[in-house]
């Protein structure tokens, strides 16, 4: 009985993890949505570096 509970718990956890992942839109069908998706998934440090105006 404990093994069944563990299996159900693992299945529920895997389902939640897989459903939380978003897929990128198809670039051929909608280039604007693809670009927006890529911009929103950039690392925070990259966005801050793009915003700063640093003169070397």
PDB file of N, CA and C in Angstrom:
ATOM      1  N   UNK A   1       0.827  -1.196   0.000  1.00  0.00           N
ATOM      2  CA  UNK A   1       0.000   0.000   0.000  1.00  0.00           C
ATOM      3  C   UNK A   1       0.868   1.256   0.000  1.00  0.00           C
ATOM      4  N   UNK A   2       1.967   1.227   0.734  1.00  0.00           N
ATOM      5  CA  UNK A   2       2.851   2.396   0.776  1.00  0.00           C
ATOM      6  C   UNK A   2       3.498   2.637  -0.586  1.00  0.00           C
ATOM      7  N   UNK A   3       3.820   1.556  -1.296  1.00  0.00           N
ATOM      8  CA  UNK A   3       4.422   1.717  -2.621  1.00  0.00           C
ATOM      9  C   UNK A   3       3.437   2.366  -3.590  1.00  0.00           C
ATOM     10  N   UNK A   4       2.174   2.011  -3.478  1.00  0.00           N
ATOM     11  CA  UNK A   4       1.153   2.598  -4.347  1.00  0.00           C
ATOM     12  C   UNK A   4       1.010   4.097  -4.068  1.00  0.00           C
ATOM     13  N   UNK A   5       1.020   4.468  -2.808  1.00  0.00           N
ATOM     14  CA  UNK A   5       0.929   5.892  -2.452  1.00  0.00           C
ATOM     15  C   UNK A   5       2.127   6.661  -2.983  1.00  0.00           C
ATOM     16  N   UNK A   6       3.295   6.070  -2.854  1.00  0.00           N
ATOM     17  CA  UNK A   6       4.506   6.717  -3.346  1.00  0.00           C
ATOM     18  C   UNK A   6       4.447   6.877  -4.863  1.00  0.00           C
ATOM     19  N   UNK A   7       3.978   5.872  -5.541  1.00  0.00           N
ATOM     20  CA  UNK A   7       3.868   5.926  -6.991  1.00  0.00           C
ATOM     21  C   UNK A   7       2.877   7.010  -7.429  1.00  0.00           C
ATOM     22  N   UNK A   8       1.754   7.094  -6.738  1.00  0.00           N
ATOM     23  CA  UNK A   8       0.760   8.121  -7.064  1.00  0.00           C
ATOM     24  C   UNK A   8       1.332   9.508  -6.783  1.00  0.00           C
ATOM     25  N   UNK A   9       2.038   9.663  -5.695  1.00  0.00           N
ATOM     26  CA  UNK A   9       2.642  10.943  -5.358  1.00  0.00           C
ATOM     27  C   UNK A   9       3.684  11.354  -6.397  1.00  0.00           C
ATOM     28  N   UNK A  10       4.510  10.429  -6.821  1.00  0.00           N
ATOM     29  CA  UNK A  10       5.519  10.731  -7.838  1.00  0.00           C
ATOM     30  C   UNK A  10       4.866  11.070  -9.176  1.00  0.00           C
ATOM     31  N   UNK A  11       3.815  10.367  -9.522  1.00  0.00           N
ATOM     32  CA  UNK A  11       3.114  10.646 -10.772  1.00  0.00           C
ATOM     33  C   UNK A  11       2.484  12.036 -10.739  1.00  0.00           C
ATOM     34  N   UNK A  12       1.909  12.408  -9.613  1.00  0.00           N
ATOM     35  CA  UNK A  12       1.308  13.733  -9.490  1.00  0.00           C
ATOM     36  C   UNK A  12       2.386  14.817  -9.560  1.00  0.00           C
ATOM     37  N   UNK A  13       3.505  14.592  -8.921  1.00  0.00           N
ATOM     38  CA  UNK A  13       4.598  15.559  -8.969  1.00  0.00           C
ATOM     39  C   UNK A  13       5.160  15.719 -10.372  1.00  0.00           C
ATOM     40  N   UNK A  14       5.326  14.616 -11.073  1.00  0.00           N
ATOM     41  CA  UNK A  14       5.827  14.678 -12.442  1.00  0.00           C
ATOM     42  C   UNK A  14       4.837  15.407 -13.345  1.00  0.00           C
ATOM     43  N   UNK A  15       3.570  15.183 -13.124  1.00  0.00           N
ATOM     44  CA  UNK A  15       2.550  15.853 -13.914  1.00  0.00           C
ATOM     45  C   UNK A  15       2.591  17.361 -13.698  1.00  0.00           C
ATOM     46  N   UNK A  16       2.765  17.790 -12.458  1.00  0.00           N
ATOM     47  CA  UNK A  16       2.849  19.223 -12.169  1.00  0.00           C
ATOM     48  C   UNK A  16       4.084  19.857 -12.789  1.00  0.00           C
ATOM     49  N   UNK A  17       5.185  19.158 -12.727  1.00  0.00           N
ATOM     50  CA  UNK A  17       6.431  19.689 -13.284  1.00  0.00           C
ATOM     51  C   UNK A  17       6.319  19.822 -14.796  1.00  0.00           C
ATOM     52  N   UNK A  18       5.781  18.802 -15.439  1.00  0.00           N
ATOM     53  CA  UNK A  18       5.665  18.841 -16.895  1.00  0.00           C
ATOM     54  C   UNK A  18       4.652  19.876 -17.368  1.00  0.00           C
ATOM     55  N   UNK A  19       3.598  20.086 -16.615  1.00  0.00           N
ATOM     56  CA  UNK A  19       2.584  21.044 -17.045  1.00  0.00           C
ATOM     57  C   UNK A  19       3.031  22.484 -16.803  1.00  0.00           C
ATOM     58  N   UNK A  20       4.005  22.698 -15.929  1.00  0.00           N
ATOM     59  CA  UNK A  20       4.456  24.060 -15.656  1.00  0.00           C
ATOM     60  C   UNK A  20       5.437  24.559 -16.705  1.00  0.00           C
ATOM     61  N   UNK A  21       6.005  23.675 -17.502  1.00  0.00           N
ATOM     62  CA  UNK A  21       6.943  24.075 -18.539  1.00  0.00           C
ATOM     63  C   UNK A  21       6.178  24.632 -19.737  1.00  0.00           C
ATOM     64  N   UNK A  22       6.625  25.775 -20.236  1.00  0.00           N
ATOM     65  CA  UNK A  22       5.971  26.364 -21.394  1.00  0.00           C
ATOM     66  C   UNK A  22       6.790  26.080 -22.633  1.00  0.00           C
ATOM     67  N   UNK A  23       6.115  25.939 -23.736  1.00  0.00           N
ATOM     68  CA  UNK A  23       6.799  25.686 -24.990  1.00  0.00           C
ATOM     69  C   UNK A  23       6.907  26.984 -25.774  1.00  0.00           C
ATOM     70  N   UNK A  24       8.017  27.138 -26.447  1.00  0.00           N
ATOM     71  CA  UNK A  24       8.223  28.326 -27.261  1.00  0.00           C
ATOM     72  C   UNK A  24       7.310  28.274 -28.479  1.00  0.00           C
ATOM     73  N   UNK A  25       6.790  29.411 -28.891  1.00  0.00           N
ATOM     74  CA  UNK A  25       5.961  29.427 -30.097  1.00  0.00           C
ATOM     75  C   UNK A  25       6.800  29.138 -31.330  1.00  0.00           C
ATOM     76  N   UNK A  26       6.159  28.688 -32.375  1.00  0.00           N
ATOM     77  CA  UNK A  26       6.845  28.367 -33.618  1.00  0.00           C
ATOM     78  C   UNK A  26       7.265  29.665 -34.310  1.00  0.00           C
ATOM     79  N   UNK A  27       8.539  29.801 -34.583  1.00  0.00           N
ATOM     80  CA  UNK A  27       9.060  31.035 -35.172  1.00  0.00           C
ATOM     81  C   UNK A  27       8.562  31.239 -36.592  1.00  0.00           C
ATOM     82  N   UNK A  28       8.299  30.167 -37.302  1.00  0.00           N
ATOM     83  CA  UNK A  28       7.826  30.300 -38.681  1.00  0.00           C
ATOM     84  C   UNK A  28       6.389  30.803 -38.733  1.00  0.00           C
ATOM     85  N   UNK A  29       5.581  30.382 -37.769  1.00  0.00           N
ATOM     86  CA  UNK A  29       4.178  30.785 -37.766  1.00  0.00           C
ATOM     87  C   UNK A  29       3.970  32.186 -37.207  1.00  0.00           C
ATOM     88  N   UNK A  30       4.695  32.526 -36.147  1.00  0.00           N
ATOM     89  CA  UNK A  30       4.509  33.840 -35.513  1.00  0.00           C
ATOM     90  C   UNK A  30       5.848  34.362 -35.008  1.00  0.00           C
ATOM     91  N   UNK A  31       6.591  35.063 -35.858  1.00  0.00           N
ATOM     92  CA  UNK A  31       7.912  35.557 -35.446  1.00  0.00           C
ATOM     93  C   UNK A  31       7.854  36.526 -34.267  1.00  0.00           C
ATOM     94  N   UNK A  32       6.807  37.344 -34.164  1.00  0.00           N
ATOM     95  CA  UNK A  32       6.723  38.306 -33.065  1.00  0.00           C
ATOM     96  C   UNK A  32       6.536  37.609 -31.731  1.00  0.00           C
ATOM     97  N   UNK A  33       5.719  36.568 -31.697  1.00  0.00           N
ATOM     98  CA  UNK A  33       5.518  35.825 -30.457  1.00  0.00           C
ATOM     99  C   UNK A  33       6.793  35.096 -30.060  1.00  0.00           C
ATOM    100  N   UNK A  34       7.526  34.598 -31.057  1.00  0.00           N
ATOM    101  CA  UNK A  34       8.780  33.907 -30.771  1.00  0.00           C
ATOM    102  C   UNK A  34       9.802  34.882 -30.183  1.00  0.00           C
ATOM    103  N   UNK A  35       9.886  36.075 -30.741  1.00  0.00           N
ATOM    104  CA  UNK A  35      10.829  37.072 -30.224  1.00  0.00           C
ATOM    105  C   UNK A  35      10.441  37.511 -28.819  1.00  0.00           C
ATOM    106  N   UNK A  36       9.149  37.678 -28.571  1.00  0.00           N
ATOM    107  CA  UNK A  36       8.700  38.066 -27.230  1.00  0.00           C
ATOM    108  C   UNK A  36       9.008  36.963 -26.219  1.00  0.00           C
ATOM    109  N   UNK A  37       8.828  35.717 -26.614  1.00  0.00           N
ATOM    110  CA  UNK A  37       9.140  34.594 -25.731  1.00  0.00           C
ATOM    111  C   UNK A  37      10.629  34.579 -25.393  1.00  0.00           C
ATOM    112  N   UNK A  38      11.468  34.786 -26.389  1.00  0.00           N
ATOM    113  CA  UNK A  38      12.913  34.776 -26.155  1.00  0.00           C
ATOM    114  C   UNK A  38      13.333  35.938 -25.257  1.00  0.00           C
ATOM    115  N   UNK A  39      12.737  37.127 -25.474  1.00  0.00           N
ATOM    116  CA  UNK A  39      13.064  38.271 -24.615  1.00  0.00           C
ATOM    117  C   UNK A  39      12.660  38.015 -23.177  1.00  0.00           C
ATOM    118  N   UNK A  40      11.502  37.407 -22.968  1.00  0.00           N
ATOM    119  CA  UNK A  40      11.015  37.205 -21.603  1.00  0.00           C
ATOM    120  C   UNK A  40      11.771  36.107 -20.870  1.00  0.00           C
ATOM    121  N   UNK A  41      12.481  35.252 -21.590  1.00  0.00           N
ATOM    122  CA  UNK A  41      13.210  34.161 -20.950  1.00  0.00           C
ATOM    123  C   UNK A  41      14.711  34.396 -20.895  1.00  0.00           C
ATOM    124  N   UNK A  42      15.136  35.634 -21.137  1.00  0.00           N
ATOM    125  CA  UNK A  42      16.557  35.950 -20.984  1.00  0.00           C
ATOM    126  C   UNK A  42      16.900  36.024 -19.503  1.00  0.00           C
ATOM    127  N   UNK A  43      18.141  35.718 -19.162  1.00  0.00           N
ATOM    128  CA  UNK A  43      18.553  35.876 -17.765  1.00  0.00           C
ATOM    129  C   UNK A  43      18.486  37.337 -17.328  1.00  0.00           C
ATOM    130  N   UNK A  44      18.238  37.560 -16.061  1.00  0.00           N
ATOM    131  CA  UNK A  44      18.099  38.916 -15.522  1.00  0.00           C
ATOM    132  C   UNK A  44      19.374  39.721 -15.717  1.00  0.00           C
ATOM    133  N   UNK A  45      20.536  39.099 -15.569  1.00  0.00           N
ATOM    134  CA  UNK A  45      21.795  39.825 -15.718  1.00  0.00           C
ATOM    135  C   UNK A  45      21.962  40.330 -17.144  1.00  0.00           C
ATOM    136  N   UNK A  46      21.502  39.544 -18.114  1.00  0.00           N
ATOM    137  CA  UNK A  46      21.601  39.965 -19.510  1.00  0.00           C
ATOM    138  C   UNK A  46      20.731  41.193 -19.753  1.00  0.00           C
ATOM    139  N   UNK A  47      19.526  41.189 -19.177  1.00  0.00           N
ATOM    140  CA  UNK A  47      18.641  42.338 -19.355  1.00  0.00           C
ATOM    141  C   UNK A  47      19.234  43.591 -18.712  1.00  0.00           C
ATOM    142  N   UNK A  48      19.835  43.441 -17.537  1.00  0.00           N
ATOM    143  CA  UNK A  48      20.435  44.598 -16.875  1.00  0.00           C
ATOM    144  C   UNK A  48      21.624  45.120 -17.666  1.00  0.00           C
ATOM    145  N   UNK A  49      22.394  44.230 -18.246  1.00  0.00           N
ATOM    146  CA  UNK A  49      23.541  44.655 -19.049  1.00  0.00           C
ATOM    147  C   UNK A  49      23.079  45.383 -20.303  1.00  0.00           C
ATOM    148  N   UNK A  50      21.967  44.974 -20.866  1.00  0.00           N
ATOM    149  CA  UNK A  50      21.449  45.646 -22.051  1.00  0.00           C
ATOM    150  C   UNK A  50      20.919  47.036 -21.715  1.00  0.00           C
ATOM    151  N   UNK A  51      20.377  47.211 -20.508  1.00  0.00           N
ATOM    152  CA  UNK A  51      19.817  48.497 -20.098  1.00  0.00           C
ATOM    153  C   UNK A  51      20.899  49.514 -19.742  1.00  0.00           C
ATOM    154  N   UNK A  52      22.012  49.033 -19.201  1.00  0.00           N
ATOM    155  CA  UNK A  52      23.020  49.974 -18.712  1.00  0.00           C
ATOM    156  C   UNK A  52      23.776  50.613 -19.872  1.00  0.00           C
ATOM    157  N   UNK A  53      24.161  51.839 -19.663  1.00  0.00           N
ATOM    158  CA  UNK A  53      24.924  52.579 -20.658  1.00  0.00           C
ATOM    159  C   UNK A  53      26.320  52.774 -20.100  1.00  0.00           C
ATOM    160  N   UNK A  54      27.169  51.795 -20.317  1.00  0.00           N
ATOM    161  CA  UNK A  54      28.514  51.820 -19.749  1.00  0.00           C
ATOM    162  C   UNK A  54      29.494  52.226 -20.821  1.00  0.00           C
ATOM    163  N   UNK A  55      30.318  53.191 -20.512  1.00  0.00           N
ATOM    164  CA  UNK A  55      31.372  53.614 -21.452  1.00  0.00           C
ATOM    165  C   UNK A  55      32.695  53.073 -20.954  1.00  0.00           C
ATOM    166  N   UNK A  56      33.361  52.340 -21.811  1.00  0.00           N
ATOM    167  CA  UNK A  56      34.658  51.770 -21.437  1.00  0.00           C
ATOM    168  C   UNK A  56      35.778  52.624 -21.945  1.00  0.00           C
TER     169      UNK A  56
END
